[in-house]
Amino acid sequence: MVLVFTLLVELSYKVDAENCNLEELSPCLQAITSNVPPPSTCCQKLREQIPCLCGHLQNPNLRQYINSPGARRVSSSCGVPFPTC
């Protein structure tokens, strides 16, 4: 799982907006990779990244991580609708 995070950070994939940076979602890592609830900082950052999520999903290098069961669970826990792009 640390490898997944490292990959995401190294890619630092930026979509259209300058604020679309996966490093901003680092507070969500533990919640995505385990069954712990997401911290409030994760949910706040996830809400800030809503406009970026479709761009992240369209990146073939990121899709499998963003579309993972853990990411879906965190999205649901934070009350952020999972994007349907």
N, C-alpha and C. Protein backbone atom coordinates (compact mmCIF):
# COMPACT_ATOMS: atom_id res chain seq x y z
N MET A 1 0.81 -1.19 0.00
CA MET A 1 0.00 0.00 0.00
C MET A 1 0.86 1.26 0.00
N VAL A 2 1.99 1.20 0.66
CA VAL A 2 2.90 2.34 0.64
C VAL A 2 3.37 2.57 -0.79
N LEU A 3 3.56 1.48 -1.53
CA LEU A 3 3.96 1.61 -2.93
C LEU A 3 2.90 2.35 -3.73
N VAL A 4 1.64 2.07 -3.45
CA VAL A 4 0.54 2.77 -4.13
C VAL A 4 0.63 4.25 -3.85
N PHE A 5 0.79 4.62 -2.61
CA PHE A 5 0.88 6.03 -2.25
C PHE A 5 2.09 6.68 -2.91
N THR A 6 3.21 5.98 -2.89
CA THR A 6 4.42 6.52 -3.51
C THR A 6 4.18 6.77 -4.99
N LEU A 7 3.53 5.83 -5.65
CA LEU A 7 3.22 6.00 -7.06
C LEU A 7 2.35 7.22 -7.28
N LEU A 8 1.33 7.37 -6.45
CA LEU A 8 0.43 8.50 -6.59
C LEU A 8 1.16 9.82 -6.36
N VAL A 9 1.99 9.87 -5.37
CA VAL A 9 2.72 11.10 -5.07
C VAL A 9 3.71 11.41 -6.19
N GLU A 10 4.41 10.39 -6.66
CA GLU A 10 5.39 10.62 -7.70
C GLU A 10 4.74 11.11 -8.98
N LEU A 11 3.58 10.59 -9.27
CA LEU A 11 2.90 11.03 -10.48
C LEU A 11 2.44 12.47 -10.35
N SER A 12 1.97 12.83 -9.14
CA SER A 12 1.45 14.18 -8.90
C SER A 12 0.65 14.66 -10.10
N TYR A 13 -0.22 13.81 -10.53
CA TYR A 13 -1.00 14.09 -11.72
C TYR A 13 -1.86 15.32 -11.53
N LYS A 14 -1.70 16.26 -12.43
CA LYS A 14 -2.50 17.48 -12.38
C LYS A 14 -3.43 17.47 -13.58
N VAL A 15 -4.69 17.68 -13.31
CA VAL A 15 -5.68 17.70 -14.37
C VAL A 15 -5.72 19.12 -14.90
N ASP A 16 -6.87 19.65 -15.22
CA ASP A 16 -6.98 20.97 -15.82
C ASP A 16 -6.62 22.08 -14.84
N ALA A 17 -7.13 22.00 -13.66
CA ALA A 17 -6.92 23.08 -12.70
C ALA A 17 -5.61 22.88 -11.96
N GLU A 18 -5.07 23.97 -11.53
CA GLU A 18 -3.81 23.91 -10.80
C GLU A 18 -3.98 23.23 -9.45
N ASN A 19 -5.17 23.21 -8.90
CA ASN A 19 -5.43 22.62 -7.59
C ASN A 19 -5.63 21.12 -7.65
N CYS A 20 -5.58 20.53 -8.81
CA CYS A 20 -5.80 19.09 -8.96
C CYS A 20 -4.49 18.36 -8.74
N ASN A 21 -4.21 18.10 -7.49
CA ASN A 21 -2.95 17.47 -7.13
C ASN A 21 -3.24 16.34 -6.15
N LEU A 22 -2.87 15.14 -6.54
CA LEU A 22 -3.16 13.97 -5.69
C LEU A 22 -2.50 14.03 -4.33
N GLU A 23 -1.43 14.76 -4.21
CA GLU A 23 -0.78 14.88 -2.91
C GLU A 23 -1.73 15.50 -1.89
N GLU A 24 -2.69 16.28 -2.35
CA GLU A 24 -3.67 16.88 -1.45
C GLU A 24 -4.54 15.81 -0.77
N LEU A 25 -4.62 14.64 -1.38
CA LEU A 25 -5.45 13.57 -0.82
C LEU A 25 -4.67 12.63 0.10
N SER A 26 -3.44 12.97 0.42
CA SER A 26 -2.63 12.10 1.28
C SER A 26 -3.26 11.83 2.65
N PRO A 27 -4.07 12.77 3.22
CA PRO A 27 -4.71 12.43 4.49
C PRO A 27 -5.70 11.25 4.39
N CYS A 28 -6.03 10.87 3.16
CA CYS A 28 -6.99 9.77 2.95
C CYS A 28 -6.33 8.41 2.83
N LEU A 29 -5.03 8.39 2.72
CA LEU A 29 -4.32 7.14 2.41
C LEU A 29 -4.64 6.01 3.38
N GLN A 30 -4.54 6.26 4.67
CA GLN A 30 -4.78 5.19 5.64
C GLN A 30 -6.21 4.68 5.56
N ALA A 31 -7.16 5.59 5.37
CA ALA A 31 -8.56 5.17 5.28
C ALA A 31 -8.82 4.37 4.00
N ILE A 32 -8.12 4.70 2.92
CA ILE A 32 -8.30 3.98 1.66
C ILE A 32 -7.71 2.59 1.75
N THR A 33 -6.59 2.45 2.43
CA THR A 33 -5.88 1.17 2.45
C THR A 33 -6.23 0.28 3.63
N SER A 34 -7.08 0.77 4.54
CA SER A 34 -7.50 -0.05 5.67
C SER A 34 -8.96 0.27 5.97
N ASN A 35 -9.46 -0.27 7.03
CA ASN A 35 -10.87 -0.05 7.38
C ASN A 35 -11.08 1.05 8.40
N VAL A 36 -10.11 1.92 8.59
CA VAL A 36 -10.30 3.01 9.54
C VAL A 36 -11.13 4.10 8.87
N PRO A 37 -11.93 4.81 9.64
CA PRO A 37 -12.73 5.88 9.05
C PRO A 37 -11.82 7.03 8.61
N PRO A 38 -12.22 7.74 7.56
CA PRO A 38 -11.40 8.85 7.09
C PRO A 38 -11.43 10.01 8.08
N PRO A 39 -10.29 10.65 8.29
CA PRO A 39 -10.27 11.83 9.17
C PRO A 39 -10.95 13.01 8.48
N SER A 40 -11.31 14.00 9.26
CA SER A 40 -12.00 15.17 8.69
C SER A 40 -11.14 15.88 7.65
N THR A 41 -9.81 15.85 7.83
CA THR A 41 -8.94 16.50 6.83
C THR A 41 -9.04 15.78 5.48
N CYS A 42 -9.20 14.48 5.51
CA CYS A 42 -9.38 13.71 4.28
C CYS A 42 -10.65 14.16 3.58
N CYS A 43 -11.74 14.20 4.31
CA CYS A 43 -13.02 14.58 3.71
C CYS A 43 -12.98 16.00 3.17
N GLN A 44 -12.33 16.89 3.89
CA GLN A 44 -12.21 18.28 3.42
C GLN A 44 -11.44 18.32 2.11
N LYS A 45 -10.31 17.63 2.05
CA LYS A 45 -9.50 17.62 0.83
C LYS A 45 -10.23 16.93 -0.32
N LEU A 46 -10.97 15.87 0.00
CA LEU A 46 -11.73 15.17 -1.03
C LEU A 46 -12.78 16.09 -1.63
N ARG A 47 -13.46 16.86 -0.79
CA ARG A 47 -14.46 17.82 -1.30
C ARG A 47 -13.81 18.88 -2.18
N GLU A 48 -12.62 19.32 -1.79
CA GLU A 48 -11.90 20.31 -2.59
C GLU A 48 -11.51 19.75 -3.96
N GLN A 49 -11.30 18.45 -4.02
CA GLN A 49 -10.85 17.81 -5.25
C GLN A 49 -12.00 17.30 -6.13
N ILE A 50 -13.24 17.53 -5.75
CA ILE A 50 -14.37 17.04 -6.54
C ILE A 50 -14.23 17.40 -8.02
N PRO A 51 -13.90 18.64 -8.37
CA PRO A 51 -13.78 18.97 -9.80
C PRO A 51 -12.67 18.20 -10.51
N CYS A 52 -11.78 17.60 -9.77
CA CYS A 52 -10.62 16.90 -10.34
C CYS A 52 -10.84 15.40 -10.50
N LEU A 53 -11.83 14.85 -9.83
CA LEU A 53 -11.95 13.40 -9.74
C LEU A 53 -12.13 12.72 -11.09
N CYS A 54 -12.91 13.30 -11.99
CA CYS A 54 -13.08 12.69 -13.31
C CYS A 54 -11.77 12.69 -14.08
N GLY A 55 -11.01 13.75 -13.95
CA GLY A 55 -9.70 13.79 -14.60
C GLY A 55 -8.77 12.73 -14.05
N HIS A 56 -8.79 12.53 -12.74
CA HIS A 56 -7.97 11.48 -12.13
C HIS A 56 -8.41 10.11 -12.64
N LEU A 57 -9.73 9.89 -12.73
CA LEU A 57 -10.25 8.60 -13.20
C LEU A 57 -9.91 8.34 -14.66
N GLN A 58 -9.78 9.38 -15.45
CA GLN A 58 -9.48 9.20 -16.87
C GLN A 58 -8.01 8.90 -17.12
N ASN A 59 -7.18 9.11 -16.12
CA ASN A 59 -5.77 8.79 -16.26
C ASN A 59 -5.59 7.29 -16.06
N PRO A 60 -5.14 6.56 -17.09
CA PRO A 60 -5.03 5.11 -16.96
C PRO A 60 -4.06 4.67 -15.85
N ASN A 61 -3.10 5.51 -15.49
CA ASN A 61 -2.17 5.16 -14.42
C ASN A 61 -2.79 5.29 -13.04
N LEU A 62 -3.86 6.04 -12.93
CA LEU A 62 -4.48 6.30 -11.62
C LEU A 62 -5.82 5.58 -11.44
N ARG A 63 -6.47 5.25 -12.54
CA ARG A 63 -7.84 4.72 -12.50
C ARG A 63 -8.00 3.58 -11.49
N GLN A 64 -7.08 2.62 -11.48
CA GLN A 64 -7.24 1.46 -10.60
C GLN A 64 -7.20 1.84 -9.13
N TYR A 65 -6.50 2.91 -8.79
CA TYR A 65 -6.40 3.33 -7.39
C TYR A 65 -7.60 4.18 -6.99
N ILE A 66 -7.96 5.10 -7.87
CA ILE A 66 -9.09 5.99 -7.59
C ILE A 66 -10.39 5.20 -7.59
N ASN A 67 -10.45 4.15 -8.39
CA ASN A 67 -11.67 3.35 -8.53
C ASN A 67 -11.68 2.14 -7.60
N SER A 68 -10.78 2.09 -6.63
CA SER A 68 -10.67 0.94 -5.73
C SER A 68 -11.82 0.92 -4.72
N PRO A 69 -12.11 -0.25 -4.15
CA PRO A 69 -13.15 -0.32 -3.12
C PRO A 69 -12.87 0.60 -1.94
N GLY A 70 -11.60 0.71 -1.54
CA GLY A 70 -11.25 1.59 -0.43
C GLY A 70 -11.54 3.05 -0.73
N ALA A 71 -11.22 3.49 -1.93
CA ALA A 71 -11.50 4.87 -2.33
C ALA A 71 -13.00 5.12 -2.39
N ARG A 72 -13.74 4.15 -2.87
CA ARG A 72 -15.21 4.28 -2.92
C ARG A 72 -15.79 4.36 -1.51
N ARG A 73 -15.25 3.57 -0.60
CA ARG A 73 -15.72 3.58 0.78
C ARG A 73 -15.45 4.93 1.44
N VAL A 74 -14.26 5.47 1.21
CA VAL A 74 -13.90 6.78 1.77
C VAL A 74 -14.80 7.86 1.19
N SER A 75 -15.02 7.81 -0.10
CA SER A 75 -15.90 8.78 -0.74
C SER A 75 -17.29 8.75 -0.12
N SER A 76 -17.81 7.55 0.07
CA SER A 76 -19.13 7.40 0.69
C SER A 76 -19.14 7.90 2.13
N SER A 77 -18.11 7.55 2.90
CA SER A 77 -18.01 7.98 4.29
C SER A 77 -17.95 9.49 4.42
N CYS A 78 -17.33 10.13 3.45
CA CYS A 78 -17.19 11.59 3.47
C CYS A 78 -18.42 12.31 2.89
N GLY A 79 -19.35 11.53 2.35
CA GLY A 79 -20.53 12.14 1.75
C GLY A 79 -20.24 12.80 0.42
N VAL A 80 -19.18 12.35 -0.23
CA VAL A 80 -18.80 12.88 -1.54
C VAL A 80 -19.25 11.86 -2.58
N PRO A 81 -20.15 12.26 -3.48
CA PRO A 81 -20.62 11.30 -4.48
C PRO A 81 -19.46 10.82 -5.36
N PHE A 82 -19.40 9.52 -5.60
CA PHE A 82 -18.36 9.00 -6.47
C PHE A 82 -18.68 9.44 -7.89
N PRO A 83 -17.70 9.95 -8.61
CA PRO A 83 -17.99 10.49 -9.94
C PRO A 83 -18.42 9.42 -10.93
N THR A 84 -19.33 9.79 -11.79
CA THR A 84 -19.74 8.93 -12.90
C THR A 84 -19.34 9.68 -14.17
N CYS A 85 -18.15 9.43 -14.60
CA CYS A 85 -17.59 10.16 -15.75
C CYS A 85 -17.77 9.37 -17.03
